Amino acid sequence: MDSVPFETIVYEKDGPVARIVLNVPEKANIQTAQQVWDMDEALKLADQDDEVKVLILKANGAGFCAGHAIVGPDEMPEVYPTTGPTPEATWKHHHYGLFLWPPLRLWEFPKATIAQVHGYCVGGGTVYGLLTDLIETAVEEIARTIAQMPLTTIMATKAGLKRAWEMMGMRVHLQQSTDLVAFCTQAADVRAFMASMSGLRPRQKAAVRADEVVGPEQGAADA
């Protein structure tokens, strides 16, 4: 088996089957700019290798992917250097350059793709699962079965299915979603909410808000 290490993933190739393995288990495989860039490069390797017929997307650790990294303003330049210095630059390089075009490249990847999801898969991590062709428990068996077919047959079948989805508006939907996210992140109420997080994780913030609404004793009783 051939292996190519990246900063946040490992790319493996075993004959006609390639694997992209999310490999930051100590941080729940959170989705950072670097992870997106590494994924993009690995997709190019699998696409350019005519021996590869099937691509498996999986992860090391207790779960698949905890979604986008949620960090404070001081950490943003390191985790997401695609943001700033102006809203229009963020829209171009962050919302589109990071969260539209790379997912579309996964969506339009011409060979068969399978997501091997285990444990948690939330937020931005769901993109990896939903934009692949299959999510199954018997991933390796299915990959080997598909890999027995000629590559041309695999690519032609996939092209037909993807075009059917795109006639129903899938590509436009992804572009529209990115535009709406870009708008929301600049909205005053959203920015005020994010500022109120004070370093708390979403689950911690939700617990605080629940206590404010129903009180800690009632919240504990409901739990």
C-alpha atoms as a PDB file:
ATOM      1  CA  MET A   1       0.000   0.000   0.000  1.00  0.00           C
ATOM      2  CA  ASP A   2       1.303   3.429  -0.957  1.00  0.00           C
ATOM      3  CA  SER A   3       0.814   6.257   1.536  1.00  0.00           C
ATOM      4  CA  VAL A   4       1.212  10.039   1.253  1.00  0.00           C
ATOM      5  CA  PRO A   5       1.024  12.005   4.551  1.00  0.00           C
ATOM      6  CA  PHE A   6      -0.447  15.503   4.607  1.00  0.00           C
ATOM      7  CA  GLU A   7      -0.743  17.826   7.579  1.00  0.00           C
ATOM      8  CA  THR A   8      -4.326  16.842   8.459  1.00  0.00           C
ATOM      9  CA  ILE A   9      -5.009  13.711   6.398  1.00  0.00           C
ATOM     10  CA  VAL A  10      -3.320  10.606   5.052  1.00  0.00           C
ATOM     11  CA  TYR A  11      -3.753   9.554   1.425  1.00  0.00           C
ATOM     12  CA  GLU A  12      -3.484   5.812   0.817  1.00  0.00           C
ATOM     13  CA  LYS A  13      -3.592   3.801  -2.366  1.00  0.00           C
ATOM     14  CA  ASP A  14      -4.138   0.050  -2.507  1.00  0.00           C
ATOM     15  CA  GLY A  15      -4.440  -0.986  -6.146  1.00  0.00           C
ATOM     16  CA  PRO A  16      -7.729   0.340  -7.588  1.00  0.00           C
ATOM     17  CA  VAL A  17      -8.901   1.634  -4.195  1.00  0.00           C
ATOM     18  CA  ALA A  18      -7.642   4.912  -2.701  1.00  0.00           C
ATOM     19  CA  ARG A  19      -8.417   6.276   0.758  1.00  0.00           C
ATOM     20  CA  ILE A  20      -8.451   9.780   2.195  1.00  0.00           C
ATOM     21  CA  VAL A  21      -8.185   9.424   5.973  1.00  0.00           C
ATOM     22  CA  LEU A  22      -8.942  12.420   8.197  1.00  0.00           C
ATOM     23  CA  ASN A  23      -6.106  12.323  10.692  1.00  0.00           C
ATOM     24  CA  VAL A  24      -6.452  14.865  13.486  1.00  0.00           C
ATOM     25  CA  PRO A  25      -8.275  12.640  16.011  1.00  0.00           C
ATOM     26  CA  GLU A  26      -7.072  14.668  19.000  1.00  0.00           C
ATOM     27  CA  LYS A  27      -9.144  17.586  17.643  1.00  0.00           C
ATOM     28  CA  ALA A  28     -12.112  15.463  16.508  1.00  0.00           C
ATOM     29  CA  ASN A  29     -10.986  15.862  12.880  1.00  0.00           C
ATOM     30  CA  ILE A  30     -12.385  19.412  12.826  1.00  0.00           C
ATOM     31  CA  GLN A  31     -12.604  21.074   9.439  1.00  0.00           C
ATOM     32  CA  THR A  32      -9.981  23.819   9.069  1.00  0.00           C
ATOM     33  CA  ALA A  33      -8.638  25.602   6.012  1.00  0.00           C
ATOM     34  CA  GLN A  34      -5.655  23.253   6.023  1.00  0.00           C
ATOM     35  CA  GLN A  35      -7.886  20.195   6.049  1.00  0.00           C
ATOM     36  CA  VAL A  36      -9.819  21.509   3.048  1.00  0.00           C
ATOM     37  CA  TRP A  37      -6.573  22.204   1.176  1.00  0.00           C
ATOM     38  CA  ASP A  38      -5.170  18.765   2.026  1.00  0.00           C
ATOM     39  CA  MET A  39      -8.402  17.106   0.896  1.00  0.00           C
ATOM     40  CA  ASP A  40      -8.276  19.027  -2.375  1.00  0.00           C
ATOM     41  CA  GLU A  41      -4.708  17.887  -3.087  1.00  0.00           C
ATOM     42  CA  ALA A  42      -5.553  14.268  -2.284  1.00  0.00           C
ATOM     43  CA  LEU A  43      -8.552  14.403  -4.626  1.00  0.00           C
ATOM     44  CA  LYS A  44      -6.193  15.524  -7.394  1.00  0.00           C
ATOM     45  CA  LEU A  45      -3.896  12.550  -6.734  1.00  0.00           C
ATOM     46  CA  ALA A  46      -6.811  10.109  -6.935  1.00  0.00           C
ATOM     47  CA  ASP A  47      -8.258  11.773 -10.018  1.00  0.00           C
ATOM     48  CA  GLN A  48      -4.968  11.813 -11.938  1.00  0.00           C
ATOM     49  CA  ASP A  49      -4.137   8.168 -11.128  1.00  0.00           C
ATOM     50  CA  ASP A  50      -5.822   6.040 -13.806  1.00  0.00           C
ATOM     51  CA  GLU A  51      -5.337   2.918 -11.690  1.00  0.00           C
ATOM     52  CA  VAL A  52      -7.679   4.283  -9.011  1.00  0.00           C
ATOM     53  CA  LYS A  53     -11.356   3.464  -9.551  1.00  0.00           C
ATOM     54  CA  VAL A  54     -12.882   3.922  -6.095  1.00  0.00           C
ATOM     55  CA  LEU A  55     -12.141   6.540  -3.410  1.00  0.00           C
ATOM     56  CA  ILE A  56     -12.977   5.916   0.264  1.00  0.00           C
ATOM     57  CA  LEU A  57     -13.264   8.853   2.656  1.00  0.00           C
ATOM     58  CA  LYS A  58     -12.806   7.812   6.298  1.00  0.00           C
ATOM     59  CA  ALA A  59     -11.275   9.052   9.552  1.00  0.00           C
ATOM     60  CA  ASN A  60      -9.088   8.022  12.455  1.00  0.00           C
ATOM     61  CA  GLY A  61     -10.259   8.445  16.040  1.00  0.00           C
ATOM     62  CA  ALA A  62     -13.530   8.189  17.922  1.00  0.00           C
ATOM     63  CA  GLY A  63     -15.611   9.883  15.236  1.00  0.00           C
ATOM     64  CA  PHE A  64     -15.661  11.008  11.635  1.00  0.00           C
ATOM     65  CA  CYS A  65     -15.648  14.833  11.713  1.00  0.00           C
ATOM     66  CA  ALA A  66     -16.878  17.390  14.256  1.00  0.00           C
ATOM     67  CA  GLY A  67     -17.480  20.039  11.586  1.00  0.00           C
ATOM     68  CA  HIS A  68     -16.026  23.497  11.100  1.00  0.00           C
ATOM     69  CA  ALA A  69     -13.522  24.669  13.685  1.00  0.00           C
ATOM     70  CA  ILE A  70     -15.196  27.233  15.937  1.00  0.00           C
ATOM     71  CA  VAL A  71     -12.534  29.555  17.288  1.00  0.00           C
ATOM     72  CA  GLY A  72     -12.235  33.048  18.676  1.00  0.00           C
ATOM     73  CA  PRO A  73     -11.128  36.092  16.643  1.00  0.00           C
ATOM     74  CA  ASP A  74      -7.541  35.722  17.830  1.00  0.00           C
ATOM     75  CA  GLU A  75      -7.289  32.198  16.370  1.00  0.00           C
ATOM     76  CA  MET A  76      -9.052  32.915  13.082  1.00  0.00           C
ATOM     77  CA  PRO A  77      -5.943  34.081  11.149  1.00  0.00           C
ATOM     78  CA  GLU A  78      -4.230  30.749  11.884  1.00  0.00           C
ATOM     79  CA  VAL A  79      -7.176  28.368  11.520  1.00  0.00           C
ATOM     80  CA  TYR A  80      -8.882  30.244   8.674  1.00  0.00           C
ATOM     81  CA  PRO A  81      -6.343  32.506   6.924  1.00  0.00           C
ATOM     82  CA  THR A  82      -8.926  32.796   4.150  1.00  0.00           C
ATOM     83  CA  THR A  83     -10.886  35.364   6.198  1.00  0.00           C
ATOM     84  CA  GLY A  84     -10.384  39.140   5.866  1.00  0.00           C
ATOM     85  CA  PRO A  85      -9.237  41.810   5.585  1.00  0.00           C
ATOM     86  CA  THR A  86     -12.552  42.959   4.050  1.00  0.00           C
ATOM     87  CA  PRO A  87     -16.007  41.311   3.806  1.00  0.00           C
ATOM     88  CA  GLU A  88     -15.679  41.017   0.033  1.00  0.00           C
ATOM     89  CA  ALA A  89     -12.267  39.351   0.347  1.00  0.00           C
ATOM     90  CA  THR A  90     -13.718  36.921   2.910  1.00  0.00           C
ATOM     91  CA  TRP A  91     -16.630  36.179   0.582  1.00  0.00           C
ATOM     92  CA  LYS A  92     -14.272  35.364  -2.298  1.00  0.00           C
ATOM     93  CA  HIS A  93     -11.464  33.489  -0.547  1.00  0.00           C
ATOM     94  CA  HIS A  94     -13.260  32.000   2.460  1.00  0.00           C
ATOM     95  CA  HIS A  95     -16.907  31.343   1.622  1.00  0.00           C
ATOM     96  CA  TYR A  96     -16.287  30.491  -2.021  1.00  0.00           C
ATOM     97  CA  GLY A  97     -12.615  29.506  -2.085  1.00  0.00           C
ATOM     98  CA  LEU A  98     -12.916  27.258   0.951  1.00  0.00           C
ATOM     99  CA  PHE A  99     -16.532  26.204   1.348  1.00  0.00           C
ATOM    100  CA  LEU A 100     -17.968  26.195  -2.176  1.00  0.00           C
ATOM    101  CA  TRP A 101     -15.428  25.174  -4.802  1.00  0.00           C
ATOM    102  CA  PRO A 102     -13.714  22.360  -2.817  1.00  0.00           C
ATOM    103  CA  PRO A 103     -17.065  20.696  -1.915  1.00  0.00           C
ATOM    104  CA  LEU A 104     -18.111  21.010  -5.547  1.00  0.00           C
ATOM    105  CA  ARG A 105     -14.881  19.288  -6.592  1.00  0.00           C
ATOM    106  CA  LEU A 106     -15.786  16.407  -4.269  1.00  0.00           C
ATOM    107  CA  TRP A 107     -19.334  16.405  -5.686  1.00  0.00           C
ATOM    108  CA  GLU A 108     -18.014  16.353  -9.248  1.00  0.00           C
ATOM    109  CA  PHE A 109     -15.178  13.854  -8.612  1.00  0.00           C
ATOM    110  CA  PRO A 110     -15.564  11.509 -11.600  1.00  0.00           C
ATOM    111  CA  LYS A 111     -14.805   8.172  -9.924  1.00  0.00           C
ATOM    112  CA  ALA A 112     -16.849   6.246  -7.361  1.00  0.00           C
ATOM    113  CA  THR A 113     -16.718   7.687  -3.824  1.00  0.00           C
ATOM    114  CA  ILE A 114     -17.759   6.091  -0.517  1.00  0.00           C
ATOM    115  CA  ALA A 115     -17.859   7.766   2.898  1.00  0.00           C
ATOM    116  CA  GLN A 116     -17.020   5.434   5.781  1.00  0.00           C
ATOM    117  CA  VAL A 117     -18.708   7.394   8.565  1.00  0.00           C
ATOM    118  CA  HIS A 118     -18.410   6.330  12.198  1.00  0.00           C
ATOM    119  CA  GLY A 119     -19.246   8.105  15.419  1.00  0.00           C
ATOM    120  CA  TYR A 120     -20.010  11.809  15.142  1.00  0.00           C
ATOM    121  CA  CYS A 121     -20.450  13.545  11.779  1.00  0.00           C
ATOM    122  CA  VAL A 122     -21.810  17.071  12.242  1.00  0.00           C
ATOM    123  CA  GLY A 123     -21.702  20.556  10.745  1.00  0.00           C
ATOM    124  CA  GLY A 124     -19.249  20.906   7.892  1.00  0.00           C
ATOM    125  CA  GLY A 125     -18.347  17.241   8.296  1.00  0.00           C
ATOM    126  CA  THR A 126     -21.702  16.265   6.829  1.00  0.00           C
ATOM    127  CA  VAL A 127     -20.530  17.713   3.504  1.00  0.00           C
ATOM    128  CA  TYR A 128     -17.970  14.922   3.244  1.00  0.00           C
ATOM    129  CA  GLY A 129     -20.658  12.337   3.842  1.00  0.00           C
ATOM    130  CA  LEU A 130     -23.490  13.815   1.792  1.00  0.00           C
ATOM    131  CA  LEU A 131     -21.484  14.682  -1.341  1.00  0.00           C
ATOM    132  CA  THR A 132     -20.018  11.208  -1.774  1.00  0.00           C
ATOM    133  CA  ASP A 133     -21.881   8.556  -3.741  1.00  0.00           C
ATOM    134  CA  LEU A 134     -22.474   6.064  -0.943  1.00  0.00           C
ATOM    135  CA  ILE A 135     -22.458   5.857   2.890  1.00  0.00           C
ATOM    136  CA  GLU A 136     -22.382   2.153   3.856  1.00  0.00           C
ATOM    137  CA  THR A 137     -21.051   0.006   6.824  1.00  0.00           C
ATOM    138  CA  ALA A 138     -19.466  -2.625   4.553  1.00  0.00           C
ATOM    139  CA  VAL A 139     -17.249  -0.069   2.816  1.00  0.00           C
ATOM    140  CA  GLU A 140     -14.261  -2.198   1.843  1.00  0.00           C
ATOM    141  CA  GLU A 141     -16.433  -4.973   0.410  1.00  0.00           C
ATOM    142  CA  ILE A 142     -18.466  -2.524  -1.658  1.00  0.00           C
ATOM    143  CA  ALA A 143     -15.313  -0.748  -2.862  1.00  0.00           C
ATOM    144  CA  ARG A 144     -13.755  -3.994  -4.066  1.00  0.00           C
ATOM    145  CA  THR A 145     -16.983  -4.971  -5.832  1.00  0.00           C
ATOM    146  CA  ILE A 146     -17.225  -1.639  -7.662  1.00  0.00           C
ATOM    147  CA  ALA A 147     -13.512  -1.751  -8.522  1.00  0.00           C
ATOM    148  CA  GLN A 148     -14.066  -4.923 -10.574  1.00  0.00           C
ATOM    149  CA  MET A 149     -15.861  -2.867 -13.220  1.00  0.00           C
ATOM    150  CA  PRO A 150     -14.027  -0.989 -15.991  1.00  0.00           C
ATOM    151  CA  LEU A 151     -13.160   2.574 -15.001  1.00  0.00           C
ATOM    152  CA  THR A 152     -15.028   3.919 -18.040  1.00  0.00           C
ATOM    153  CA  THR A 153     -18.217   2.167 -16.896  1.00  0.00           C
ATOM    154  CA  ILE A 154     -17.872   3.590 -13.387  1.00  0.00           C
ATOM    155  CA  MET A 155     -17.285   7.125 -14.640  1.00  0.00           C
ATOM    156  CA  ALA A 156     -20.115   6.989 -17.194  1.00  0.00           C
ATOM    157  CA  THR A 157     -22.596   5.667 -14.627  1.00  0.00           C
ATOM    158  CA  LYS A 158     -21.591   8.317 -12.111  1.00  0.00           C
ATOM    159  CA  ALA A 159     -21.745  11.122 -14.697  1.00  0.00           C
ATOM    160  CA  GLY A 160     -25.316  10.168 -15.554  1.00  0.00           C
ATOM    161  CA  LEU A 161     -26.430  10.124 -11.929  1.00  0.00           C
ATOM    162  CA  LYS A 162     -24.715  13.395 -11.052  1.00  0.00           C
ATOM    163  CA  ARG A 163     -26.219  15.169 -14.045  1.00  0.00           C
ATOM    164  CA  ALA A 164     -29.670  14.002 -12.970  1.00  0.00           C
ATOM    165  CA  TRP A 165     -29.077  15.594  -9.551  1.00  0.00           C
ATOM    166  CA  GLU A 166     -27.752  18.761 -11.157  1.00  0.00           C
ATOM    167  CA  MET A 167     -30.839  19.072 -13.372  1.00  0.00           C
ATOM    168  CA  MET A 168     -32.754  19.205 -10.078  1.00  0.00           C
ATOM    169  CA  GLY A 169     -30.588  22.131  -8.971  1.00  0.00           C
ATOM    170  CA  MET A 170     -27.912  20.609  -6.729  1.00  0.00           C
ATOM    171  CA  ARG A 171     -25.059  22.814  -7.946  1.00  0.00           C
ATOM    172  CA  VAL A 172     -27.121  26.013  -7.732  1.00  0.00           C
ATOM    173  CA  HIS A 173     -28.298  24.973  -4.263  1.00  0.00           C
ATOM    174  CA  LEU A 174     -24.694  24.705  -3.029  1.00  0.00           C
ATOM    175  CA  GLN A 175     -23.838  28.098  -4.506  1.00  0.00           C
ATOM    176  CA  GLN A 176     -26.950  29.687  -2.997  1.00  0.00           C
ATOM    177  CA  SER A 177     -26.212  28.175   0.414  1.00  0.00           C
ATOM    178  CA  THR A 178     -22.710  29.650   0.333  1.00  0.00           C
ATOM    179  CA  ASP A 179     -24.076  33.100  -0.506  1.00  0.00           C
ATOM    180  CA  LEU A 180     -26.578  32.923   2.359  1.00  0.00           C
ATOM    181  CA  VAL A 181     -23.883  31.839   4.839  1.00  0.00           C
ATOM    182  CA  ALA A 182     -21.659  34.708   3.680  1.00  0.00           C
ATOM    183  CA  PHE A 183     -24.528  37.142   4.241  1.00  0.00           C
ATOM    184  CA  CYS A 184     -25.414  35.755   7.662  1.00  0.00           C
ATOM    185  CA  THR A 185     -21.862  35.902   8.996  1.00  0.00           C
ATOM    186  CA  GLN A 186     -21.775  39.666   8.346  1.00  0.00           C
ATOM    187  CA  ALA A 187     -25.216  40.324   9.881  1.00  0.00           C
ATOM    188  CA  ALA A 188     -25.199  42.376  13.093  1.00  0.00           C
ATOM    189  CA  ASP A 189     -27.289  39.932  15.152  1.00  0.00           C
ATOM    190  CA  VAL A 190     -25.184  36.941  14.107  1.00  0.00           C
ATOM    191  CA  ARG A 191     -21.937  38.749  14.899  1.00  0.00           C
ATOM    192  CA  ALA A 192     -23.341  39.786  18.282  1.00  0.00           C
ATOM    193  CA  PHE A 193     -24.271  36.183  19.027  1.00  0.00           C
ATOM    194  CA  MET A 194     -20.815  34.926  18.068  1.00  0.00           C
ATOM    195  CA  ALA A 195     -19.216  37.578  20.264  1.00  0.00           C
ATOM    196  CA  SER A 196     -21.371  36.401  23.175  1.00  0.00           C
ATOM    197  CA  MET A 197     -19.914  32.910  22.924  1.00  0.00           C
ATOM    198  CA  SER A 198     -16.903  34.078  24.996  1.00  0.00           C
ATOM    199  CA  GLY A 199     -14.855  31.040  24.049  1.00  0.00           C
ATOM    200  CA  LEU A 200     -17.640  28.550  24.815  1.00  0.00           C
ATOM    201  CA  ARG A 201     -18.329  25.640  22.507  1.00  0.00           C
ATOM    202  CA  PRO A 202     -21.820  25.506  20.910  1.00  0.00           C
ATOM    203  CA  ARG A 203     -22.998  22.787  23.319  1.00  0.00           C
ATOM    204  CA  GLN A 204     -21.738  24.774  26.323  1.00  0.00           C
ATOM    205  CA  LYS A 205     -23.388  27.963  25.056  1.00  0.00           C
ATOM    206  CA  ALA A 206     -26.660  26.088  24.514  1.00  0.00           C
ATOM    207  CA  ALA A 207     -26.549  24.861  28.111  1.00  0.00           C
ATOM    208  CA  VAL A 208     -26.018  28.412  29.373  1.00  0.00           C
ATOM    209  CA  ARG A 209     -28.932  29.729  27.300  1.00  0.00           C
ATOM    210  CA  ALA A 210     -31.150  26.887  28.545  1.00  0.00           C
ATOM    211  CA  ASP A 211     -30.341  27.832  32.133  1.00  0.00           C
ATOM    212  CA  GLU A 212     -31.207  31.460  31.371  1.00  0.00           C
ATOM    213  CA  VAL A 213     -34.590  30.471  29.906  1.00  0.00           C
ATOM    214  CA  VAL A 214     -35.815  27.705  32.229  1.00  0.00           C
ATOM    215  CA  GLY A 215     -33.377  27.896  35.132  1.00  0.00           C
ATOM    216  CA  PRO A 216     -30.657  25.405  36.077  1.00  0.00           C
ATOM    217  CA  GLU A 217     -32.896  23.328  38.364  1.00  0.00           C
ATOM    218  CA  GLN A 218     -35.655  22.866  35.769  1.00  0.00           C
ATOM    219  CA  GLY A 219     -33.061  22.150  33.054  1.00  0.00           C
ATOM    220  CA  ALA A 220     -31.484  19.455  35.211  1.00  0.00           C
ATOM    221  CA  ALA A 221     -34.895  17.933  35.932  1.00  0.00           C
ATOM    222  CA  ASP A 222     -35.760  17.832  32.229  1.00  0.00           C
ATOM    223  CA  ALA A 223     -32.430  16.165  31.455  1.00  0.00           C
END
